[in-house]
Protein backbone atom coordinates (compact mmCIF):
# COMPACT_ATOMS: atom_id res chain seq x y z
CA MET A 1 -5.89 7.73 84.52
CA ALA A 2 -6.04 5.38 81.60
CA HIS A 3 -5.99 1.68 82.00
CA PRO A 4 -2.57 0.08 81.15
CA THR A 5 -4.15 -2.25 78.58
CA ALA A 6 -5.88 0.64 76.86
CA ARG A 7 -2.62 2.55 76.82
CA LEU A 8 -0.79 -0.44 75.35
CA LEU A 9 -3.53 -0.85 72.74
CA ALA A 10 -3.28 2.85 71.77
CA VAL A 11 0.52 2.65 71.40
CA ALA A 12 0.22 -0.49 69.24
CA LEU A 13 -2.43 1.20 67.07
CA LEU A 14 -0.24 4.29 66.60
CA ALA A 15 2.82 2.17 65.78
CA SER A 16 0.97 0.11 63.17
CA THR A 17 -0.46 3.27 61.57
CA ALA A 18 3.00 4.78 61.36
CA LEU A 19 4.40 1.60 59.78
CA VAL A 20 1.66 1.51 57.15
CA ALA A 21 2.16 5.19 56.31
CA CYS A 22 5.93 4.76 55.91
CA LYS A 23 5.80 1.50 53.95
CA LYS A 24 7.20 1.83 50.39
CA HIS A 25 4.89 0.67 47.65
CA ASP A 26 6.63 -1.75 45.25
CA GLU A 27 3.73 -1.79 42.87
CA THR A 28 4.17 0.46 39.83
CA PRO A 29 0.94 1.47 38.18
CA PRO A 30 0.59 0.05 34.66
CA ALA A 31 1.75 2.38 31.90
CA THR A 32 -0.95 3.74 29.68
CA ALA A 33 -0.47 4.59 26.03
CA PRO A 34 -0.89 8.25 25.14
CA ALA A 35 -4.08 9.10 23.34
CA PRO A 36 -3.61 9.32 19.56
CA ALA A 37 -3.47 12.81 18.12
CA SER A 38 -6.68 13.96 16.53
CA THR A 39 -6.61 14.20 12.76
CA GLY A 40 -9.67 16.36 12.62
CA THR A 41 -11.61 13.54 10.96
CA ASP A 42 -12.89 11.77 14.07
CA THR A 43 -15.53 9.32 12.90
CA GLY A 44 -16.18 7.83 16.31
CA LEU A 45 -14.88 4.50 15.04
CA PRO A 46 -11.80 2.82 16.45
CA PRO A 47 -8.61 3.44 14.42
CA ALA A 48 -7.90 0.98 11.63
CA ALA A 49 -5.36 -1.71 12.29
CA PRO A 50 -1.96 -1.08 10.66
CA ALA A 51 -1.35 -2.88 7.40
CA PRO A 52 0.46 -6.19 7.83
CA MET A 53 4.13 -6.24 6.92
CA PRO A 54 4.93 -8.21 3.76
CA SER A 55 6.64 -11.51 4.42
CA THR A 56 9.55 -10.54 2.19
CA PRO A 57 10.16 -6.81 1.79
CA ALA A 58 10.57 -5.34 -1.67
CA PRO A 59 14.17 -4.45 -2.48
CA ALA A 60 15.30 -0.86 -2.24
CA ALA A 61 15.56 1.03 -5.52
CA GLY A 62 19.33 0.47 -5.79
CA ASP A 63 18.90 -3.25 -5.12
CA VAL A 64 16.31 -3.87 -7.86
CA ILE A 65 18.86 -4.19 -10.68
CA SER A 66 21.49 -6.89 -10.42
CA ASP A 67 22.97 -6.64 -13.93
CA VAL A 68 22.90 -4.44 -17.06
CA GLN A 69 24.59 -5.48 -20.30
CA LEU A 70 24.65 -3.78 -23.71
CA GLY A 71 24.95 -5.54 -27.04
CA THR A 72 23.59 -5.95 -30.57
CA SER A 73 21.34 -8.94 -29.86
CA VAL A 74 19.68 -10.92 -27.08
CA GLY A 75 18.83 -14.60 -26.77
CA ALA A 76 15.49 -16.19 -25.90
CA ASP A 77 16.30 -15.51 -22.23
CA ASN A 78 16.61 -11.73 -22.97
CA ARG A 79 20.32 -11.79 -22.12
CA VAL A 80 22.86 -10.02 -24.34
CA ALA A 81 24.78 -12.64 -26.30
CA SER A 82 28.04 -10.64 -26.54
CA PRO A 83 28.36 -7.63 -24.18
CA MET A 84 29.97 -4.56 -25.75
CA THR A 85 30.35 -0.81 -25.30
CA SER A 86 31.12 0.26 -28.86
CA PHE A 87 28.59 -0.01 -31.73
CA GLY A 88 28.27 0.64 -35.45
CA THR A 89 26.05 3.36 -36.89
CA LYS A 90 23.51 0.82 -38.26
CA ASP A 91 23.35 -1.43 -35.16
CA THR A 92 20.24 -2.06 -33.10
CA LEU A 93 21.22 -1.30 -29.50
CA TYR A 94 20.04 -3.69 -26.78
CA ALA A 95 20.10 -3.30 -23.00
CA SER A 96 19.59 -6.50 -21.02
CA VAL A 97 18.47 -5.73 -17.45
CA THR A 98 18.28 -8.40 -14.75
CA THR A 99 16.00 -7.60 -11.83
CA ALA A 100 15.89 -9.04 -8.32
CA ALA A 101 13.18 -11.23 -6.85
CA ASN A 102 10.22 -9.27 -5.42
CA ALA A 103 10.95 -6.28 -7.69
CA THR A 104 7.75 -4.45 -8.48
CA GLY A 105 6.95 -1.11 -10.04
CA LYS A 106 8.14 0.35 -13.35
CA LEU A 107 11.46 -0.50 -14.95
CA GLY A 108 12.64 1.99 -17.54
CA ALA A 109 15.41 2.70 -20.04
CA ARG A 110 16.23 6.26 -21.13
CA TRP A 111 18.59 6.41 -24.12
CA THR A 112 20.47 9.71 -24.68
CA TYR A 113 22.98 11.08 -27.17
CA LEU A 114 25.80 13.01 -25.45
CA GLY A 115 27.35 14.47 -28.62
CA ALA A 116 30.38 13.67 -30.75
CA ASP A 117 32.75 14.39 -27.87
CA GLY A 118 30.38 13.53 -25.02
CA MET A 119 30.27 17.17 -23.89
CA ALA A 120 27.05 18.33 -25.56
CA THR A 121 23.77 18.81 -23.76
CA PRO A 122 22.19 15.33 -23.66
CA THR A 123 19.52 14.72 -26.28
CA GLU A 124 16.94 12.07 -25.46
CA VAL A 125 16.78 9.39 -28.13
CA ASP A 126 14.06 7.18 -26.64
CA THR A 127 12.42 6.20 -23.33
CA GLN A 128 10.76 2.87 -22.62
CA THR A 129 9.10 1.35 -19.53
CA LYS A 130 7.96 -2.09 -18.45
CA ASP A 131 5.96 -3.32 -15.47
CA LEU A 132 7.83 -5.55 -13.04
CA ALA A 133 5.90 -8.62 -11.92
CA GLY A 134 7.60 -9.28 -8.57
CA ALA A 135 9.90 -12.07 -9.70
CA ALA A 136 13.55 -12.23 -10.71
CA ALA A 137 13.73 -11.80 -14.48
CA THR A 138 15.79 -10.44 -17.35
CA HIS A 139 14.20 -7.70 -19.45
CA GLU A 140 15.34 -6.28 -22.77
CA PHE A 141 15.08 -2.78 -24.12
CA HIS A 142 16.23 -1.84 -27.60
CA VAL A 143 16.44 1.09 -29.99
CA SER A 144 17.28 1.28 -33.66
CA LYS A 145 17.74 4.02 -36.25
CA PRO A 146 17.42 2.69 -39.82
CA ASP A 147 19.11 5.77 -41.32
CA GLY A 148 22.04 5.37 -38.89
CA TRP A 149 23.14 6.68 -35.52
CA PRO A 150 25.34 9.76 -35.40
CA ALA A 151 28.85 8.89 -34.26
CA GLY A 152 29.56 9.91 -30.71
CA LYS A 153 28.95 9.18 -27.04
CA TYR A 154 25.67 7.77 -25.69
CA ARG A 155 24.21 6.72 -22.36
CA VAL A 156 21.39 4.47 -21.25
CA GLU A 157 19.93 5.13 -17.81
CA ILE A 158 18.01 2.28 -16.20
CA THR A 159 15.29 3.57 -13.90
CA HIS A 160 13.07 2.06 -11.24
CA ASP A 161 9.86 4.01 -10.65
CA GLY A 162 11.48 7.03 -12.33
CA THR A 163 14.70 6.99 -10.26
CA VAL A 164 17.96 6.26 -12.08
CA VAL A 165 19.52 3.14 -10.52
CA GLN A 166 22.13 2.16 -13.16
CA THR A 167 23.80 3.86 -16.13
CA ARG A 168 25.91 2.54 -18.99
CA ASP A 169 27.93 4.76 -21.30
CA PHE A 170 28.77 3.58 -24.83
CA ASP A 171 29.81 5.00 -28.15
CA VAL A 172 28.82 4.67 -31.78
CA ARG A 173 31.57 4.73 -34.45
């Protein structure tokens, strides 16, 4: 027969074991990041740090141009003196393009002739590009034809890095 103290000790030991086994663990193991996918070019070096984000993001293509005006002359500030949409056959045609701050890339002007009634297949007259320096500015593009423009409908497309972001239709009479 077992001693009452030994029996009491055995019951206490069993009870404490049962309590420990049933106790819920509140600790959640720390999450681990998944291993990066192999690119097949494992150099054994740690991955490069991501490039830092610019302090002020560049504007989206549609936000690069804030104004486009057409006319027959520009001032020292490259702005069209008198905006117009109808020109004479001997006029020099100017496009004044104002760009937003932080605009970089290539700004372009594509001049096209749309025909006497505007329904012909567009014929490119001239294309010009300028580098943007990352500051708000006004740029001028111009075309001339000393022997005279054919009467009809025309369009200038203003592009940013090759994507058309603004257009202006005009006519020559």
